[in-house]
Amino acid sequence: MMKVGDKKLVYTVTIPIRWGDMDAMGHVNNTVYFQYMEQARIEWLAMMGCLPDENGNGAVIVNAHCTFKKPLKYPGQVEVCTYISNMGRTSFETTQEMRSVGDGYSLYAEGGAKVVWVDAVTEKSVALPEAIKQKFAEFKSEQKRRR
């Protein structure tokens, strides 16, 4: 488990919970939490200008996880906070928190994914885009200034 100081908040989005997100048990289906995390991650990558390029190089998830704390229910909104950490040459980790907007932003789930940048033709990992490397470099310099 990462310490709070080891990760950088990079994006926050509020997503409405839809009626169709719920399952027969009357709460948001577990697979939908992964869709919420995906939406937040993709919006952040788009904001950074890091969607797949003209050659098809882009982000691939090689591992994803989620711990469910409390069930989200319709109607409502979920706030997804996205953090990055553990950046290497071709990959980085995301950690995400899902909080209920209508419940004082209580933590309902937390998860994340390992993101690897991949060449679509060779299906091999390639160097991360400069925008993401720059964001991580800014984070590291902020950490040094705080010490």
C-alpha atoms as a PDB file:
ATOM      1  CA  MET A   1       0.000   0.000   0.000  1.00  0.00           C
ATOM      2  CA  MET A   2       1.303   3.453  -0.921  1.00  0.00           C
ATOM      3  CA  LYS A   3       1.748   6.178   1.627  1.00  0.00           C
ATOM      4  CA  VAL A   4      -0.202   9.378   0.946  1.00  0.00           C
ATOM      5  CA  GLY A   5       3.034  11.267   0.215  1.00  0.00           C
ATOM      6  CA  ASP A   6       3.926   8.798  -2.542  1.00  0.00           C
ATOM      7  CA  LYS A   7       1.054   9.709  -4.846  1.00  0.00           C
ATOM      8  CA  LYS A   8      -0.063  12.869  -6.643  1.00  0.00           C
ATOM      9  CA  LEU A   9      -3.682  13.916  -7.109  1.00  0.00           C
ATOM     10  CA  VAL A  10      -3.991  14.693 -10.823  1.00  0.00           C
ATOM     11  CA  TYR A  11      -7.719  14.700 -11.574  1.00  0.00           C
ATOM     12  CA  THR A  12     -11.124  14.790  -9.884  1.00  0.00           C
ATOM     13  CA  VAL A  13     -14.468  14.253 -11.609  1.00  0.00           C
ATOM     14  CA  THR A  14     -18.051  13.885 -10.404  1.00  0.00           C
ATOM     15  CA  ILE A  15     -20.073  11.231 -12.214  1.00  0.00           C
ATOM     16  CA  PRO A  16     -23.850  10.802 -11.910  1.00  0.00           C
ATOM     17  CA  ILE A  17     -24.982   7.347 -10.826  1.00  0.00           C
ATOM     18  CA  ARG A  18     -27.442   6.060 -13.408  1.00  0.00           C
ATOM     19  CA  TRP A  19     -30.416   3.804 -12.726  1.00  0.00           C
ATOM     20  CA  GLY A  20     -28.884   1.217 -15.070  1.00  0.00           C
ATOM     21  CA  ASP A  21     -25.687   1.133 -12.971  1.00  0.00           C
ATOM     22  CA  MET A  22     -27.515  -0.843 -10.286  1.00  0.00           C
ATOM     23  CA  ASP A  23     -27.858  -4.605 -10.078  1.00  0.00           C
ATOM     24  CA  ALA A  24     -30.523  -6.931  -8.676  1.00  0.00           C
ATOM     25  CA  MET A  25     -29.225  -6.267  -5.150  1.00  0.00           C
ATOM     26  CA  GLY A  26     -30.253  -2.585  -5.431  1.00  0.00           C
ATOM     27  CA  HIS A  27     -26.758  -1.083  -5.473  1.00  0.00           C
ATOM     28  CA  VAL A  28     -24.188  -0.154  -8.113  1.00  0.00           C
ATOM     29  CA  ASN A  29     -22.841  -3.310  -9.754  1.00  0.00           C
ATOM     30  CA  ASN A  30     -19.203  -4.059  -8.967  1.00  0.00           C
ATOM     31  CA  THR A  31     -18.195  -3.866 -12.644  1.00  0.00           C
ATOM     32  CA  VAL A  32     -19.494  -0.295 -12.861  1.00  0.00           C
ATOM     33  CA  TYR A  33     -16.917   0.887 -10.316  1.00  0.00           C
ATOM     34  CA  PHE A  34     -14.271  -0.092 -12.883  1.00  0.00           C
ATOM     35  CA  GLN A  35     -16.156   1.979 -15.488  1.00  0.00           C
ATOM     36  CA  TYR A  36     -16.126   4.984 -13.148  1.00  0.00           C
ATOM     37  CA  MET A  37     -12.351   4.593 -12.672  1.00  0.00           C
ATOM     38  CA  GLU A  38     -11.862   4.176 -16.417  1.00  0.00           C
ATOM     39  CA  GLN A  39     -13.885   7.296 -17.211  1.00  0.00           C
ATOM     40  CA  ALA A  40     -11.839   9.391 -14.773  1.00  0.00           C
ATOM     41  CA  ARG A  41      -8.533   7.963 -16.061  1.00  0.00           C
ATOM     42  CA  ILE A  42      -9.453   8.566 -19.733  1.00  0.00           C
ATOM     43  CA  GLU A  43     -10.683  12.119 -19.026  1.00  0.00           C
ATOM     44  CA  TRP A  44      -7.361  12.888 -17.303  1.00  0.00           C
ATOM     45  CA  LEU A  45      -5.351  11.405 -20.189  1.00  0.00           C
ATOM     46  CA  ALA A  46      -7.436  13.436 -22.673  1.00  0.00           C
ATOM     47  CA  MET A  47      -6.863  16.602 -20.626  1.00  0.00           C
ATOM     48  CA  MET A  48      -3.123  15.863 -20.765  1.00  0.00           C
ATOM     49  CA  GLY A  49      -3.294  15.366 -24.552  1.00  0.00           C
ATOM     50  CA  CYS A  50      -2.305  11.721 -24.105  1.00  0.00           C
ATOM     51  CA  LEU A  51      -5.006   9.750 -25.866  1.00  0.00           C
ATOM     52  CA  PRO A  52      -3.797   7.229 -28.470  1.00  0.00           C
ATOM     53  CA  ASP A  53      -1.716   9.005 -31.099  1.00  0.00           C
ATOM     54  CA  GLU A  54      -2.016   8.800 -34.901  1.00  0.00           C
ATOM     55  CA  ASN A  55       0.042   5.576 -34.858  1.00  0.00           C
ATOM     56  CA  GLY A  56      -2.222   3.950 -32.266  1.00  0.00           C
ATOM     57  CA  ASN A  57       0.268   4.174 -29.408  1.00  0.00           C
ATOM     58  CA  GLY A  58      -1.552   4.556 -26.124  1.00  0.00           C
ATOM     59  CA  ALA A  59      -2.444   3.393 -22.654  1.00  0.00           C
ATOM     60  CA  VAL A  60      -3.140  -0.251 -21.890  1.00  0.00           C
ATOM     61  CA  ILE A  61      -4.193  -1.492 -18.477  1.00  0.00           C
ATOM     62  CA  VAL A  62      -2.230  -4.550 -17.374  1.00  0.00           C
ATOM     63  CA  ASN A  63      -3.681  -4.875 -13.879  1.00  0.00           C
ATOM     64  CA  ALA A  64      -6.758  -3.378 -12.205  1.00  0.00           C
ATOM     65  CA  HIS A  65      -8.160  -3.742  -8.703  1.00  0.00           C
ATOM     66  CA  CYS A  66     -10.929  -2.394  -6.499  1.00  0.00           C
ATOM     67  CA  THR A  67     -11.792  -2.653  -2.808  1.00  0.00           C
ATOM     68  CA  PHE A  68     -15.475  -2.042  -2.059  1.00  0.00           C
ATOM     69  CA  LYS A  69     -16.127  -0.284   1.261  1.00  0.00           C
ATOM     70  CA  LYS A  70     -19.841   0.595   1.037  1.00  0.00           C
ATOM     71  CA  PRO A  71     -22.416   0.143  -1.746  1.00  0.00           C
ATOM     72  CA  LEU A  72     -23.181   3.145  -3.948  1.00  0.00           C
ATOM     73  CA  LYS A  73     -26.875   3.557  -4.822  1.00  0.00           C
ATOM     74  CA  TYR A  74     -29.061   5.460  -7.251  1.00  0.00           C
ATOM     75  CA  PRO A  75     -29.844   8.365  -7.162  1.00  0.00           C
ATOM     76  CA  GLY A  76     -26.538   9.977  -6.416  1.00  0.00           C
ATOM     77  CA  GLN A  77     -23.191  11.155  -7.632  1.00  0.00           C
ATOM     78  CA  VAL A  78     -19.761   9.650  -7.156  1.00  0.00           C
ATOM     79  CA  GLU A  79     -16.604  11.732  -6.992  1.00  0.00           C
ATOM     80  CA  VAL A  80     -13.586   9.919  -8.449  1.00  0.00           C
ATOM     81  CA  CYS A  81     -10.158  11.209  -7.428  1.00  0.00           C
ATOM     82  CA  THR A  82      -7.264   9.966  -9.564  1.00  0.00           C
ATOM     83  CA  TYR A  83      -3.680   9.845  -8.301  1.00  0.00           C
ATOM     84  CA  ILE A  84      -0.474   8.783 -10.078  1.00  0.00           C
ATOM     85  CA  SER A  85       2.635   7.174  -8.635  1.00  0.00           C
ATOM     86  CA  ASN A  86       5.472   4.748  -9.322  1.00  0.00           C
ATOM     87  CA  MET A  87       6.344   6.081 -12.753  1.00  0.00           C
ATOM     88  CA  GLY A  88       8.836   4.156 -14.814  1.00  0.00           C
ATOM     89  CA  ARG A  89      10.029   4.544 -18.402  1.00  0.00           C
ATOM     90  CA  THR A  90       6.928   2.912 -19.939  1.00  0.00           C
ATOM     91  CA  SER A  91       4.391   2.667 -17.109  1.00  0.00           C
ATOM     92  CA  PHE A  92       2.827   4.264 -14.055  1.00  0.00           C
ATOM     93  CA  GLU A  93       0.328   3.352 -11.361  1.00  0.00           C
ATOM     94  CA  THR A  94      -3.015   5.021 -10.822  1.00  0.00           C
ATOM     95  CA  THR A  95      -4.839   4.954  -7.516  1.00  0.00           C
ATOM     96  CA  GLN A  96      -8.447   6.091  -7.360  1.00  0.00           C
ATOM     97  CA  GLU A  97     -10.892   6.895  -4.585  1.00  0.00           C
ATOM     98  CA  MET A  98     -14.655   6.865  -5.088  1.00  0.00           C
ATOM     99  CA  ARG A  99     -16.659   9.006  -2.690  1.00  0.00           C
ATOM    100  CA  SER A 100     -20.388   9.643  -2.419  1.00  0.00           C
ATOM    101  CA  VAL A 101     -21.166  13.315  -2.994  1.00  0.00           C
ATOM    102  CA  GLY A 102     -24.455  13.028  -1.029  1.00  0.00           C
ATOM    103  CA  ASP A 103     -22.845  11.353   1.991  1.00  0.00           C
ATOM    104  CA  GLY A 104     -20.286  13.931   3.034  1.00  0.00           C
ATOM    105  CA  TYR A 105     -17.763  12.553   0.539  1.00  0.00           C
ATOM    106  CA  SER A 106     -17.433   9.299   2.487  1.00  0.00           C
ATOM    107  CA  LEU A 107     -15.098   6.746   0.920  1.00  0.00           C
ATOM    108  CA  TYR A 108     -17.122   4.022  -0.825  1.00  0.00           C
ATOM    109  CA  ALA A 109     -14.397   2.278  -2.816  1.00  0.00           C
ATOM    110  CA  GLU A 110     -10.746   2.553  -3.737  1.00  0.00           C
ATOM    111  CA  GLY A 111      -8.857   0.958  -6.550  1.00  0.00           C
ATOM    112  CA  GLY A 112      -6.408   1.523  -9.305  1.00  0.00           C
ATOM    113  CA  ALA A 113      -4.579   0.202 -12.306  1.00  0.00           C
ATOM    114  CA  LYS A 114      -1.111  -0.184 -13.761  1.00  0.00           C
ATOM    115  CA  VAL A 115      -0.957   1.705 -17.045  1.00  0.00           C
ATOM    116  CA  VAL A 116       1.600   0.762 -19.705  1.00  0.00           C
ATOM    117  CA  TRP A 117       2.169   2.782 -22.882  1.00  0.00           C
ATOM    118  CA  VAL A 118       2.080   0.400 -25.854  1.00  0.00           C
ATOM    119  CA  ASP A 119       2.925   0.557 -29.557  1.00  0.00           C
ATOM    120  CA  ALA A 120      -0.211  -0.690 -31.346  1.00  0.00           C
ATOM    121  CA  VAL A 121       1.719  -2.326 -34.186  1.00  0.00           C
ATOM    122  CA  THR A 122       4.372  -4.200 -32.212  1.00  0.00           C
ATOM    123  CA  GLU A 123       2.217  -4.591 -29.069  1.00  0.00           C
ATOM    124  CA  LYS A 124       5.355  -3.774 -27.046  1.00  0.00           C
ATOM    125  CA  SER A 125       5.780  -1.137 -24.362  1.00  0.00           C
ATOM    126  CA  VAL A 126       7.193   2.238 -25.421  1.00  0.00           C
ATOM    127  CA  ALA A 127       8.266   5.384 -23.569  1.00  0.00           C
ATOM    128  CA  LEU A 128       5.549   7.390 -21.853  1.00  0.00           C
ATOM    129  CA  PRO A 129       4.423  10.677 -23.452  1.00  0.00           C
ATOM    130  CA  GLU A 130       6.338  13.775 -22.384  1.00  0.00           C
ATOM    131  CA  ALA A 131       3.209  15.368 -20.848  1.00  0.00           C
ATOM    132  CA  ILE A 132       2.855  12.533 -18.338  1.00  0.00           C
ATOM    133  CA  LYS A 133       6.581  12.478 -17.560  1.00  0.00           C
ATOM    134  CA  GLN A 134       6.461  16.243 -16.992  1.00  0.00           C
ATOM    135  CA  LYS A 135       3.483  15.913 -14.602  1.00  0.00           C
ATOM    136  CA  PHE A 136       5.369  13.299 -12.601  1.00  0.00           C
ATOM    137  CA  ALA A 137       8.553  15.421 -12.563  1.00  0.00           C
ATOM    138  CA  GLU A 138       6.522  18.353 -11.166  1.00  0.00           C
ATOM    139  CA  PHE A 139       5.158  16.052  -8.474  1.00  0.00           C
ATOM    140  CA  LYS A 140       8.662  14.859  -7.509  1.00  0.00           C
ATOM    141  CA  SER A 141       9.984  18.427  -7.279  1.00  0.00           C
ATOM    142  CA  GLU A 142       6.995  19.393  -5.075  1.00  0.00           C
ATOM    143  CA  GLN A 143       7.856  16.483  -2.771  1.00  0.00           C
ATOM    144  CA  LYS A 144      11.495  17.638  -2.462  1.00  0.00           C
ATOM    145  CA  ARG A 145      10.435  21.217  -1.641  1.00  0.00           C
ATOM    146  CA  ARG A 146       8.175  19.972   1.178  1.00  0.00           C
ATOM    147  CA  ARG A 147      10.990  18.059   2.927  1.00  0.00           C
END
